[in-house]
Amino acid sequence: MSLNEWSEEIVIAETGEEPAFSEDMSGLMSIVDDAERGDREMPDVVVNLSEVEYLNSSNIAQLLRLRKRLGAGGGKLRICSVGSQVWGVILVTGLDKLFEFHNDLATAIASLQLEP
């Protein structure tokens, strides 16, 4: 899939199944690396899971690392468009308490724009 800089402050990951998911997470981590070095501002990130039908333990670990690094630098993470099968994994693992989820991409972006 792809990474899109929606604005200077917001990066959108329109990700899919492996290996696209891991590639997109690596790309996001590179952007976070740049921000930690001071080459850019720490972005807010929206991960769109509309094309993802399965999350494995590696994918979950990648999302947790991204959340931790973004938070440490003042960035925010939103996850949107989660399918029912993936939502089941999220509920069982308790990730619904760690991440902020939105039904669609537009709502996720709006939540970032409206938050101070």
PDB file of N, CA and C in Angstrom:
ATOM      1  N   MET A   1       0.830  -1.176   0.000  1.00  0.00           N
ATOM      2  CA  MET A   1       0.000   0.000   0.000  1.00  0.00           C
ATOM      3  C   MET A   1       0.877   1.244   0.000  1.00  0.00           C
ATOM      4  N   SER A   2       0.567   2.234   0.861  1.00  0.00           N
ATOM      5  CA  SER A   2       1.359   3.449   0.741  1.00  0.00           C
ATOM      6  C   SER A   2       1.294   4.312   1.995  1.00  0.00           C
ATOM      7  N   LEU A   3       2.279   5.196   2.068  1.00  0.00           N
ATOM      8  CA  LEU A   3       2.311   6.239   3.083  1.00  0.00           C
ATOM      9  C   LEU A   3       2.050   7.555   2.380  1.00  0.00           C
ATOM     10  N   ASN A   4       1.150   8.353   2.931  1.00  0.00           N
ATOM     11  CA  ASN A   4       0.815   9.644   2.339  1.00  0.00           C
ATOM     12  C   ASN A   4       0.943  10.734   3.389  1.00  0.00           C
ATOM     13  N   GLU A   5       1.654  11.800   3.034  1.00  0.00           N
ATOM     14  CA  GLU A   5       1.731  12.959   3.922  1.00  0.00           C
ATOM     15  C   GLU A   5       0.503  13.807   3.629  1.00  0.00           C
ATOM     16  N   TRP A   6      -0.534  13.631   4.446  1.00  0.00           N
ATOM     17  CA  TRP A   6      -1.794  14.320   4.239  1.00  0.00           C
ATOM     18  C   TRP A   6      -1.626  15.820   4.466  1.00  0.00           C
ATOM     19  N   SER A   7      -0.757  16.154   5.418  1.00  0.00           N
ATOM     20  CA  SER A   7      -0.383  17.543   5.694  1.00  0.00           C
ATOM     21  C   SER A   7       1.004  17.499   6.316  1.00  0.00           C
ATOM     22  N   GLU A   8       1.518  18.663   6.698  1.00  0.00           N
ATOM     23  CA  GLU A   8       2.830  18.680   7.352  1.00  0.00           C
ATOM     24  C   GLU A   8       2.792  17.948   8.686  1.00  0.00           C
ATOM     25  N   GLU A   9       1.615  17.880   9.296  1.00  0.00           N
ATOM     26  CA  GLU A   9       1.490  17.285  10.623  1.00  0.00           C
ATOM     27  C   GLU A   9       0.952  15.864  10.628  1.00  0.00           C
ATOM     28  N   ILE A  10       0.315  15.419   9.539  1.00  0.00           N
ATOM     29  CA  ILE A  10      -0.382  14.125   9.545  1.00  0.00           C
ATOM     30  C   ILE A  10       0.122  13.224   8.423  1.00  0.00           C
ATOM     31  N   VAL A  11       0.504  12.000   8.802  1.00  0.00           N
ATOM     32  CA  VAL A  11       0.911  10.973   7.842  1.00  0.00           C
ATOM     33  C   VAL A  11      -0.126   9.855   7.903  1.00  0.00           C
ATOM     34  N   ILE A  12      -0.558   9.400   6.729  1.00  0.00           N
ATOM     35  CA  ILE A  12      -1.542   8.321   6.647  1.00  0.00           C
ATOM     36  C   ILE A  12      -0.884   7.086   6.062  1.00  0.00           C
ATOM     37  N   ALA A  13      -1.048   5.961   6.757  1.00  0.00           N
ATOM     38  CA  ALA A  13      -0.567   4.672   6.248  1.00  0.00           C
ATOM     39  C   ALA A  13      -1.783   3.879   5.792  1.00  0.00           C
ATOM     40  N   GLU A  14      -1.930   3.755   4.481  1.00  0.00           N
ATOM     41  CA  GLU A  14      -3.002   2.940   3.894  1.00  0.00           C
ATOM     42  C   GLU A  14      -2.402   1.566   3.682  1.00  0.00           C
ATOM     43  N   THR A  15      -2.418   0.746   4.700  1.00  0.00           N
ATOM     44  CA  THR A  15      -1.662  -0.493   4.677  1.00  0.00           C
ATOM     45  C   THR A  15      -2.520  -1.693   4.297  1.00  0.00           C
ATOM     46  N   GLY A  16      -1.851  -2.812   4.104  1.00  0.00           N
ATOM     47  CA  GLY A  16      -2.535  -4.044   3.721  1.00  0.00           C
ATOM     48  C   GLY A  16      -1.920  -5.234   4.420  1.00  0.00           C
ATOM     49  N   GLU A  17      -2.135  -6.394   3.839  1.00  0.00           N
ATOM     50  CA  GLU A  17      -1.594  -7.634   4.400  1.00  0.00           C
ATOM     51  C   GLU A  17      -0.074  -7.648   4.276  1.00  0.00           C
ATOM     52  N   GLU A  18       0.561  -8.587   4.961  1.00  0.00           N
ATOM     53  CA  GLU A  18       2.007  -8.773   4.830  1.00  0.00           C
ATOM     54  C   GLU A  18       2.355  -9.083   3.377  1.00  0.00           C
ATOM     55  N   PRO A  19       3.472  -8.625   2.859  1.00  0.00           N
ATOM     56  CA  PRO A  19       4.513  -7.863   3.544  1.00  0.00           C
ATOM     57  C   PRO A  19       4.267  -6.357   3.558  1.00  0.00           C
ATOM     58  N   ALA A  20       3.175  -5.896   2.950  1.00  0.00           N
ATOM     59  CA  ALA A  20       2.908  -4.455   2.885  1.00  0.00           C
ATOM     60  C   ALA A  20       2.813  -3.834   4.277  1.00  0.00           C
ATOM     61  N   PHE A  21       2.204  -4.529   5.225  1.00  0.00           N
ATOM     62  CA  PHE A  21       2.053  -3.986   6.575  1.00  0.00           C
ATOM     63  C   PHE A  21       3.414  -3.672   7.181  1.00  0.00           C
ATOM     64  N   SER A  22       4.327  -4.637   7.153  1.00  0.00           N
ATOM     65  CA  SER A  22       5.663  -4.426   7.734  1.00  0.00           C
ATOM     66  C   SER A  22       6.441  -3.356   6.985  1.00  0.00           C
ATOM     67  N   GLU A  23       6.285  -3.301   5.663  1.00  0.00           N
ATOM     68  CA  GLU A  23       6.967  -2.268   4.877  1.00  0.00           C
ATOM     69  C   GLU A  23       6.459  -0.885   5.266  1.00  0.00           C
ATOM     70  N   ASP A  24       5.146  -0.750   5.426  1.00  0.00           N
ATOM     71  CA  ASP A  24       4.582   0.540   5.821  1.00  0.00           C
ATOM     72  C   ASP A  24       5.011   0.924   7.233  1.00  0.00           C
ATOM     73  N   MET A  25       5.058  -0.038   8.136  1.00  0.00           N
ATOM     74  CA  MET A  25       5.518   0.251   9.498  1.00  0.00           C
ATOM     75  C   MET A  25       6.986   0.685   9.486  1.00  0.00           C
ATOM     76  N   SER A  26       7.805   0.059   8.657  1.00  0.00           N
ATOM     77  CA  SER A  26       9.214   0.472   8.531  1.00  0.00           C
ATOM     78  C   SER A  26       9.306   1.895   8.003  1.00  0.00           C
ATOM     79  N   GLY A  27       8.467   2.220   7.023  1.00  0.00           N
ATOM     80  CA  GLY A  27       8.441   3.578   6.490  1.00  0.00           C
ATOM     81  C   GLY A  27       8.030   4.594   7.543  1.00  0.00           C
ATOM     82  N   LEU A  28       7.034   4.245   8.355  1.00  0.00           N
ATOM     83  CA  LEU A  28       6.620   5.138   9.437  1.00  0.00           C
ATOM     84  C   LEU A  28       7.730   5.311  10.464  1.00  0.00           C
ATOM     85  N   MET A  29       8.428   4.232  10.770  1.00  0.00           N
ATOM     86  CA  MET A  29       9.538   4.322  11.726  1.00  0.00           C
ATOM     87  C   MET A  29      10.654   5.213  11.181  1.00  0.00           C
ATOM     88  N   SER A  30      10.872   5.205   9.879  1.00  0.00           N
ATOM     89  CA  SER A  30      11.872   6.098   9.276  1.00  0.00           C
ATOM     90  C   SER A  30      11.465   7.559   9.449  1.00  0.00           C
ATOM     91  N   ILE A  31      10.181   7.832   9.290  1.00  0.00           N
ATOM     92  CA  ILE A  31       9.678   9.191   9.491  1.00  0.00           C
ATOM     93  C   ILE A  31       9.864   9.602  10.953  1.00  0.00           C
ATOM     94  N   VAL A  32       9.581   8.683  11.872  1.00  0.00           N
ATOM     95  CA  VAL A  32       9.779   8.957  13.300  1.00  0.00           C
ATOM     96  C   VAL A  32      11.267   9.170  13.593  1.00  0.00           C
ATOM     97  N   ASP A  33      12.136   8.360  12.966  1.00  0.00           N
ATOM     98  CA  ASP A  33      13.589   8.553  13.115  1.00  0.00           C
ATOM     99  C   ASP A  33      13.983   9.969  12.717  1.00  0.00           C
ATOM    100  N   ASP A  34      13.467  10.434  11.573  1.00  0.00           N
ATOM    101  CA  ASP A  34      13.765  11.789  11.102  1.00  0.00           C
ATOM    102  C   ASP A  34      13.326  12.830  12.131  1.00  0.00           C
ATOM    103  N   ALA A  35      12.149  12.628  12.709  1.00  0.00           N
ATOM    104  CA  ALA A  35      11.642  13.573  13.704  1.00  0.00           C
ATOM    105  C   ALA A  35      12.495  13.545  14.972  1.00  0.00           C
ATOM    106  N   GLU A  36      12.922  12.366  15.382  1.00  0.00           N
ATOM    107  CA  GLU A  36      13.757  12.265  16.586  1.00  0.00           C
ATOM    108  C   GLU A  36      15.121  12.921  16.380  1.00  0.00           C
ATOM    109  N   ARG A  37      15.611  12.932  15.142  1.00  0.00           N
ATOM    110  CA  ARG A  37      16.881  13.611  14.830  1.00  0.00           C
ATOM    111  C   ARG A  37      16.698  15.113  14.671  1.00  0.00           C
ATOM    112  N   GLY A  38      15.462  15.562  14.609  1.00  0.00           N
ATOM    113  CA  GLY A  38      15.193  16.981  14.438  1.00  0.00           C
ATOM    114  C   GLY A  38      15.093  17.416  12.992  1.00  0.00           C
ATOM    115  N   ASP A  39      15.016  16.454  12.066  1.00  0.00           N
ATOM    116  CA  ASP A  39      14.919  16.781  10.646  1.00  0.00           C
ATOM    117  C   ASP A  39      13.511  17.202  10.237  1.00  0.00           C
ATOM    118  N   ARG A  40      12.536  16.951  11.082  1.00  0.00           N
ATOM    119  CA  ARG A  40      11.139  17.319  10.825  1.00  0.00           C
ATOM    120  C   ARG A  40      10.400  17.290  12.148  1.00  0.00           C
ATOM    121  N   GLU A  41       9.179  17.790  12.152  1.00  0.00           N
ATOM    122  CA  GLU A  41       8.338  17.712  13.347  1.00  0.00           C
ATOM    123  C   GLU A  41       7.831  16.280  13.503  1.00  0.00           C
ATOM    124  N   MET A  42       7.590  15.871  14.743  1.00  0.00           N
ATOM    125  CA  MET A  42       6.997  14.554  14.983  1.00  0.00           C
ATOM    126  C   MET A  42       5.570  14.586  14.438  1.00  0.00           C
ATOM    127  N   PRO A  43       5.236  13.685  13.533  1.00  0.00           N
ATOM    128  CA  PRO A  43       3.904  13.720  12.936  1.00  0.00           C
ATOM    129  C   PRO A  43       2.867  13.019  13.809  1.00  0.00           C
ATOM    130  N   ASP A  44       1.625  13.287  13.502  1.00  0.00           N
ATOM    131  CA  ASP A  44       0.528  12.454  13.962  1.00  0.00           C
ATOM    132  C   ASP A  44       0.318  11.430  12.851  1.00  0.00           C
ATOM    133  N   VAL A  45      -0.098  10.222  13.202  1.00  0.00           N
ATOM    134  CA  VAL A  45      -0.203   9.141  12.222  1.00  0.00           C
ATOM    135  C   VAL A  45      -1.585   8.501  12.290  1.00  0.00           C
ATOM    136  N   VAL A  46      -2.147   8.234  11.109  1.00  0.00           N
ATOM    137  CA  VAL A  46      -3.367   7.439  10.994  1.00  0.00           C
ATOM    138  C   VAL A  46      -3.002   6.166  10.250  1.00  0.00           C
ATOM    139  N   VAL A  47      -3.282   5.019  10.863  1.00  0.00           N
ATOM    140  CA  VAL A  47      -3.072   3.731  10.209  1.00  0.00           C
ATOM    141  C   VAL A  47      -4.444   3.213   9.796  1.00  0.00           C
ATOM    142  N   ASN A  48      -4.651   3.104   8.484  1.00  0.00           N
ATOM    143  CA  ASN A  48      -5.912   2.634   7.924  1.00  0.00           C
ATOM    144  C   ASN A  48      -5.812   1.124   7.720  1.00  0.00           C
ATOM    145  N   LEU A  49      -6.620   0.366   8.446  1.00  0.00           N
ATOM    146  CA  LEU A  49      -6.569  -1.095   8.377  1.00  0.00           C
ATOM    147  C   LEU A  49      -7.678  -1.694   7.507  1.00  0.00           C
ATOM    148  N   SER A  50      -8.263  -0.905   6.618  1.00  0.00           N
ATOM    149  CA  SER A  50      -9.386  -1.396   5.818  1.00  0.00           C
ATOM    150  C   SER A  50      -9.030  -2.588   4.934  1.00  0.00           C
ATOM    151  N   GLU A  51      -7.771  -2.718   4.536  1.00  0.00           N
ATOM    152  CA  GLU A  51      -7.345  -3.826   3.675  1.00  0.00           C
ATOM    153  C   GLU A  51      -6.689  -4.965   4.459  1.00  0.00           C
ATOM    154  N   VAL A  52      -6.685  -4.870   5.779  1.00  0.00           N
ATOM    155  CA  VAL A  52      -6.036  -5.885   6.612  1.00  0.00           C
ATOM    156  C   VAL A  52      -7.096  -6.848   7.145  1.00  0.00           C
ATOM    157  N   GLU A  53      -6.893  -8.132   6.898  1.00  0.00           N
ATOM    158  CA  GLU A  53      -7.831  -9.145   7.375  1.00  0.00           C
ATOM    159  C   GLU A  53      -7.290  -9.937   8.557  1.00  0.00           C
ATOM    160  N   TYR A  54      -5.993  -9.774   8.852  1.00  0.00           N
ATOM    161  CA  TYR A  54      -5.372 -10.559   9.917  1.00  0.00           C
ATOM    162  C   TYR A  54      -4.207  -9.780  10.503  1.00  0.00           C
ATOM    163  N   LEU A  55      -4.118  -9.739  11.819  1.00  0.00           N
ATOM    164  CA  LEU A  55      -2.967  -9.154  12.510  1.00  0.00           C
ATOM    165  C   LEU A  55      -2.224 -10.272  13.222  1.00  0.00           C
ATOM    166  N   ASN A  56      -0.919 -10.377  12.961  1.00  0.00           N
ATOM    167  CA  ASN A  56      -0.126 -11.363  13.691  1.00  0.00           C
ATOM    168  C   ASN A  56       0.609 -10.665  14.836  1.00  0.00           C
ATOM    169  N   SER A  57       1.326 -11.433  15.634  1.00  0.00           N
ATOM    170  CA  SER A  57       2.004 -10.862  16.806  1.00  0.00           C
ATOM    171  C   SER A  57       3.053  -9.829  16.408  1.00  0.00           C
ATOM    172  N   SER A  58       3.696 -10.034  15.274  1.00  0.00           N
ATOM    173  CA  SER A  58       4.688  -9.071  14.793  1.00  0.00           C
ATOM    174  C   SER A  58       4.021  -7.740  14.437  1.00  0.00           C
ATOM    175  N   ASN A  59       2.855  -7.797  13.796  1.00  0.00           N
ATOM    176  CA  ASN A  59       2.122  -6.580  13.450  1.00  0.00           C
ATOM    177  C   ASN A  59       1.714  -5.818  14.709  1.00  0.00           C
ATOM    178  N   ILE A  60       1.250  -6.549  15.705  1.00  0.00           N
ATOM    179  CA  ILE A  60       0.848  -5.925  16.970  1.00  0.00           C
ATOM    180  C   ILE A  60       2.048  -5.253  17.630  1.00  0.00           C
ATOM    181  N   ALA A  61       3.188  -5.939  17.637  1.00  0.00           N
ATOM    182  CA  ALA A  61       4.409  -5.360  18.220  1.00  0.00           C
ATOM    183  C   ALA A  61       4.819  -4.095  17.476  1.00  0.00           C
ATOM    184  N   GLN A  62       4.681  -4.091  16.152  1.00  0.00           N
ATOM    185  CA  GLN A  62       5.033  -2.909  15.363  1.00  0.00           C
ATOM    186  C   GLN A  62       4.134  -1.731  15.727  1.00  0.00           C
ATOM    187  N   LEU A  63       2.837  -1.978  15.875  1.00  0.00           N
ATOM    188  CA  LEU A  63       1.917  -0.912  16.261  1.00  0.00           C
ATOM    189  C   LEU A  63       2.242  -0.383  17.660  1.00  0.00           C
ATOM    190  N   LEU A  64       2.581  -1.274  18.575  1.00  0.00           N
ATOM    191  CA  LEU A  64       2.931  -0.843  19.934  1.00  0.00           C
ATOM    192  C   LEU A  64       4.206  -0.006  19.950  1.00  0.00           C
ATOM    193  N   ARG A  65       5.213  -0.413  19.165  1.00  0.00           N
ATOM    194  CA  ARG A  65       6.455   0.380  19.080  1.00  0.00           C
ATOM    195  C   ARG A  65       6.182   1.751  18.477  1.00  0.00           C
ATOM    196  N   LEU A  66       5.372   1.780  17.429  1.00  0.00           N
ATOM    197  CA  LEU A  66       5.033   3.054  16.791  1.00  0.00           C
ATOM    198  C   LEU A  66       4.332   3.969  17.789  1.00  0.00           C
ATOM    199  N   ARG A  67       3.370   3.442  18.520  1.00  0.00           N
ATOM    200  CA  ARG A  67       2.641   4.225  19.521  1.00  0.00           C
ATOM    201  C   ARG A  67       3.596   4.804  20.563  1.00  0.00           C
ATOM    202  N   LYS A  68       4.506   3.975  21.050  1.00  0.00           N
ATOM    203  CA  LYS A  68       5.450   4.411  22.084  1.00  0.00           C
ATOM    204  C   LYS A  68       6.356   5.528  21.577  1.00  0.00           C
ATOM    205  N   ARG A  69       6.909   5.351  20.391  1.00  0.00           N
ATOM    206  CA  ARG A  69       7.841   6.349  19.858  1.00  0.00           C
ATOM    207  C   ARG A  69       7.129   7.643  19.486  1.00  0.00           C
ATOM    208  N   LEU A  70       5.951   7.549  18.891  1.00  0.00           N
ATOM    209  CA  LEU A  70       5.193   8.758  18.574  1.00  0.00           C
ATOM    210  C   LEU A  70       4.865   9.514  19.857  1.00  0.00           C
ATOM    211  N   GLY A  71       4.360   8.799  20.856  1.00  0.00           N
ATOM    212  CA  GLY A  71       3.982   9.431  22.118  1.00  0.00           C
ATOM    213  C   GLY A  71       5.151  10.114  22.800  1.00  0.00           C
ATOM    214  N   ALA A  72       6.319   9.486  22.754  1.00  0.00           N
ATOM    215  CA  ALA A  72       7.512  10.070  23.376  1.00  0.00           C
ATOM    216  C   ALA A  72       7.905  11.382  22.709  1.00  0.00           C
ATOM    217  N   GLY A  73       7.592  11.510  21.427  1.00  0.00           N
ATOM    218  CA  GLY A  73       7.947  12.717  20.695  1.00  0.00           C
ATOM    219  C   GLY A  73       6.812  13.706  20.539  1.00  0.00           C
ATOM    220  N   GLY A  74       5.669  13.425  21.158  1.00  0.00           N
ATOM    221  CA  GLY A  74       4.534  14.340  21.085  1.00  0.00           C
ATOM    222  C   GLY A  74       3.575  14.068  19.946  1.00  0.00           C
ATOM    223  N   GLY A  75       3.791  12.992  19.201  1.00  0.00           N
ATOM    224  CA  GLY A  75       2.884  12.636  18.116  1.00  0.00           C
ATOM    225  C   GLY A  75       1.745  11.764  18.613  1.00  0.00           C
ATOM    226  N   LYS A  76       0.692  11.703  17.819  1.00  0.00           N
ATOM    227  CA  LYS A  76      -0.475  10.902  18.174  1.00  0.00           C
ATOM    228  C   LYS A  76      -0.708   9.839  17.103  1.00  0.00           C
ATOM    229  N   LEU A  77      -1.332   8.736  17.497  1.00  0.00           N
ATOM    230  CA  LEU A  77      -1.635   7.638  16.592  1.00  0.00           C
ATOM    231  C   LEU A  77      -3.123   7.347  16.633  1.00  0.00           C
ATOM    232  N   ARG A  78      -3.718   7.238  15.467  1.00  0.00           N
ATOM    233  CA  ARG A  78      -5.113   6.829  15.329  1.00  0.00           C
ATOM    234  C   ARG A  78      -5.147   5.623  14.398  1.00  0.00           C
ATOM    235  N   ILE A  79      -6.053   4.704  14.664  1.00  0.00           N
ATOM    236  CA  ILE A  79      -6.251   3.535  13.808  1.00  0.00           C
ATOM    237  C   ILE A  79      -7.695   3.575  13.335  1.00  0.00           C
ATOM    238  N   CYS A  80      -7.897   3.319  12.044  1.00  0.00           N
ATOM    239  CA  CYS A  80      -9.252   3.403  11.509  1.00  0.00           C
ATOM    240  C   CYS A  80      -9.580   2.226  10.593  1.00  0.00           C
ATOM    241  N   SER A  81     -10.875   2.105  10.314  1.00  0.00           N
ATOM    242  CA  SER A  81     -11.412   1.145   9.341  1.00  0.00           C
ATOM    243  C   SER A  81     -11.004  -0.290   9.654  1.00  0.00           C
ATOM    244  N   VAL A  82     -11.226  -0.682  10.894  1.00  0.00           N
ATOM    245  CA  VAL A  82     -10.850  -2.023  11.339  1.00  0.00           C
ATOM    246  C   VAL A  82     -11.981  -2.996  11.016  1.00  0.00           C
ATOM    247  N   GLY A  83     -11.645  -4.072  10.304  1.00  0.00           N
ATOM    248  CA  GLY A  83     -12.626  -5.100   9.969  1.00  0.00           C
ATOM    249  C   GLY A  83     -12.973  -5.954  11.177  1.00  0.00           C
ATOM    250  N   SER A  84     -14.051  -6.720  11.066  1.00  0.00           N
ATOM    251  CA  SER A  84     -14.539  -7.499  12.207  1.00  0.00           C
ATOM    252  C   SER A  84     -13.547  -8.562  12.671  1.00  0.00           C
ATOM    253  N   GLN A  85     -12.852  -9.208  11.754  1.00  0.00           N
ATOM    254  CA  GLN A  85     -11.894 -10.241  12.143  1.00  0.00           C
ATOM    255  C   GLN A  85     -10.719  -9.626  12.912  1.00  0.00           C
ATOM    256  N   VAL A  86     -10.206  -8.512  12.417  1.00  0.00           N
ATOM    257  CA  VAL A  86      -9.103  -7.826  13.096  1.00  0.00           C
ATOM    258  C   VAL A  86      -9.590  -7.247  14.427  1.00  0.00           C
ATOM    259  N   TRP A  87     -10.813  -6.721  14.450  1.00  0.00           N
ATOM    260  CA  TRP A  87     -11.357  -6.160  15.685  1.00  0.00           C
ATOM    261  C   TRP A  87     -11.424  -7.229  16.777  1.00  0.00           C
ATOM    262  N   GLY A  88     -11.737  -8.456  16.403  1.00  0.00           N
ATOM    263  CA  GLY A  88     -11.749  -9.554  17.363  1.00  0.00           C
ATOM    264  C   GLY A  88     -10.390  -9.755  18.008  1.00  0.00           C
ATOM    265  N   VAL A  89      -9.327  -9.691  17.214  1.00  0.00           N
ATOM    266  CA  VAL A  89      -7.962  -9.817  17.741  1.00  0.00           C
ATOM    267  C   VAL A  89      -7.654  -8.649  18.675  1.00  0.00           C
ATOM    268  N   ILE A  90      -8.065  -7.460  18.278  1.00  0.00           N
ATOM    269  CA  ILE A  90      -7.814  -6.264  19.090  1.00  0.00           C
ATOM    270  C   ILE A  90      -8.511  -6.373  20.448  1.00  0.00           C
ATOM    271  N   LEU A  91      -9.743  -6.850  20.455  1.00  0.00           N
ATOM    272  CA  LEU A  91     -10.473  -6.995  21.717  1.00  0.00           C
ATOM    273  C   LEU A  91      -9.845  -8.055  22.616  1.00  0.00           C
ATOM    274  N   VAL A  92      -9.488  -9.199  22.039  1.00  0.00           N
ATOM    275  CA  VAL A  92      -8.908 -10.295  22.822  1.00  0.00           C
ATOM    276  C   VAL A  92      -7.578  -9.882  23.448  1.00  0.00           C
ATOM    277  N   THR A  93      -6.791  -9.095  22.727  1.00  0.00           N
ATOM    278  CA  THR A  93      -5.475  -8.687  23.222  1.00  0.00           C
ATOM    279  C   THR A  93      -5.531  -7.442  24.115  1.00  0.00           C
ATOM    280  N   GLY A  94      -6.685  -6.812  24.214  1.00  0.00           N
ATOM    281  CA  GLY A  94      -6.818  -5.620  25.044  1.00  0.00           C
ATOM    282  C   GLY A  94      -6.305  -4.348  24.392  1.00  0.00           C
ATOM    283  N   LEU A  95      -5.996  -4.413  23.109  1.00  0.00           N
ATOM    284  CA  LEU A  95      -5.464  -3.234  22.418  1.00  0.00           C
ATOM    285  C   LEU A  95      -6.496  -2.122  22.276  1.00  0.00           C
ATOM    286  N   ASP A  96      -7.768  -2.463  22.426  1.00  0.00           N
ATOM    287  CA  ASP A  96      -8.813  -1.444  22.346  1.00  0.00           C
ATOM    288  C   ASP A  96      -8.678  -0.417  23.466  1.00  0.00           C
ATOM    289  N   LYS A  97      -7.936  -0.768  24.518  1.00  0.00           N
ATOM    290  CA  LYS A  97      -7.720   0.158  25.632  1.00  0.00           C
ATOM    291  C   LYS A  97      -6.457   1.003  25.448  1.00  0.00           C
ATOM    292  N   LEU A  98      -5.600   0.619  24.509  1.00  0.00           N
ATOM    293  CA  LEU A  98      -4.328   1.321  24.300  1.00  0.00           C
ATOM    294  C   LEU A  98      -4.345   2.289  23.122  1.00  0.00           C
ATOM    295  N   PHE A  99      -5.148   1.982  22.123  1.00  0.00           N
ATOM    296  CA  PHE A  99      -5.177   2.783  20.902  1.00  0.00           C
ATOM    297  C   PHE A  99      -6.511   3.498  20.772  1.00  0.00           C
ATOM    298  N   GLU A 100      -6.499   4.582  20.017  1.00  0.00           N
ATOM    299  CA  GLU A 100      -7.745   5.271  19.694  1.00  0.00           C
ATOM    300  C   GLU A 100      -8.175   4.831  18.302  1.00  0.00           C
ATOM    301  N   PHE A 101      -9.399   4.312  18.206  1.00  0.00           N
ATOM    302  CA  PHE A 101      -9.925   3.781  16.952  1.00  0.00           C
ATOM    303  C   PHE A 101     -11.047   4.666  16.426  1.00  0.00           C
ATOM    304  N   HIS A 102     -11.144   4.708  15.087  1.00  0.00           N
ATOM    305  CA  HIS A 102     -12.222   5.444  14.426  1.00  0.00           C
ATOM    306  C   HIS A 102     -12.783   4.590  13.301  1.00  0.00           C
ATOM    307  N   ASN A 103     -14.054   4.820  12.992  1.00  0.00           N
ATOM    308  CA  ASN A 103     -14.723   4.007  11.971  1.00  0.00           C
ATOM    309  C   ASN A 103     -14.160   4.207  10.578  1.00  0.00           C
ATOM    310  N   ASP A 104     -13.720   5.427  10.280  1.00  0.00           N
ATOM    311  CA  ASP A 104     -13.233   5.694   8.925  1.00  0.00           C
ATOM    312  C   ASP A 104     -12.090   6.706   8.953  1.00  0.00           C
ATOM    313  N   LEU A 105     -11.455   6.853   7.804  1.00  0.00           N
ATOM    314  CA  LEU A 105     -10.284   7.721   7.674  1.00  0.00           C
ATOM    315  C   LEU A 105     -10.620   9.179   7.957  1.00  0.00           C
ATOM    316  N   ALA A 106     -11.737   9.658   7.426  1.00  0.00           N
ATOM    317  CA  ALA A 106     -12.105  11.065   7.609  1.00  0.00           C
ATOM    318  C   ALA A 106     -12.290  11.408   9.089  1.00  0.00           C
ATOM    319  N   THR A 107     -12.919  10.521   9.832  1.00  0.00           N
ATOM    320  CA  THR A 107     -13.138  10.752  11.260  1.00  0.00           C
ATOM    321  C   THR A 107     -11.819  10.733  12.027  1.00  0.00           C
ATOM    322  N   ALA A 108     -10.923   9.834  11.652  1.00  0.00           N
ATOM    323  CA  ALA A 108      -9.611   9.759  12.309  1.00  0.00           C
ATOM    324  C   ALA A 108      -8.815  11.040  12.076  1.00  0.00           C
ATOM    325  N   ILE A 109      -8.820  11.529  10.841  1.00  0.00           N
ATOM    326  CA  ILE A 109      -8.112  12.776  10.523  1.00  0.00           C
ATOM    327  C   ILE A 109      -8.731  13.942  11.289  1.00  0.00           C
ATOM    328  N   ALA A 110     -10.064  14.007  11.294  1.00  0.00           N
ATOM    329  CA  ALA A 110     -10.751  15.091  11.998  1.00  0.00           C
ATOM    330  C   ALA A 110     -10.415  15.082  13.487  1.00  0.00           C
ATOM    331  N   SER A 111     -10.296  13.892  14.078  1.00  0.00           N
ATOM    332  CA  SER A 111      -9.974  13.820  15.509  1.00  0.00           C
ATOM    333  C   SER A 111      -8.604  14.418  15.798  1.00  0.00           C
ATOM    334  N   LEU A 112      -7.669  14.252  14.872  1.00  0.00           N
ATOM    335  CA  LEU A 112      -6.333  14.835  15.044  1.00  0.00           C
ATOM    336  C   LEU A 112      -6.362  16.344  14.856  1.00  0.00           C
ATOM    337  N   GLN A 113      -7.146  16.808  13.896  1.00  0.00           N
ATOM    338  CA  GLN A 113      -7.213  18.241  13.629  1.00  0.00           C
ATOM    339  C   GLN A 113      -7.911  18.997  14.753  1.00  0.00           C
ATOM    340  N   LEU A 114      -8.870  18.359  15.398  1.00  0.00           N
ATOM    341  CA  LEU A 114      -9.641  19.032  16.443  1.00  0.00           C
ATOM    342  C   LEU A 114      -8.970  18.981  17.803  1.00  0.00           C
ATOM    343  N   GLU A 115      -8.035  18.060  17.979  1.00  0.00           N
ATOM    344  CA  GLU A 115      -7.345  17.930  19.265  1.00  0.00           C
ATOM    345  C   GLU A 115      -6.220  18.953  19.351  1.00  0.00           C
ATOM    346  N   PRO A 116      -6.125  19.661  20.490  1.00  0.00           N
ATOM    347  CA  PRO A 116      -5.065  20.675  20.619  1.00  0.00           C
ATOM    348  C   PRO A 116      -3.677  20.081  20.678  1.00  0.00           C
TER     349      PRO A 116
END
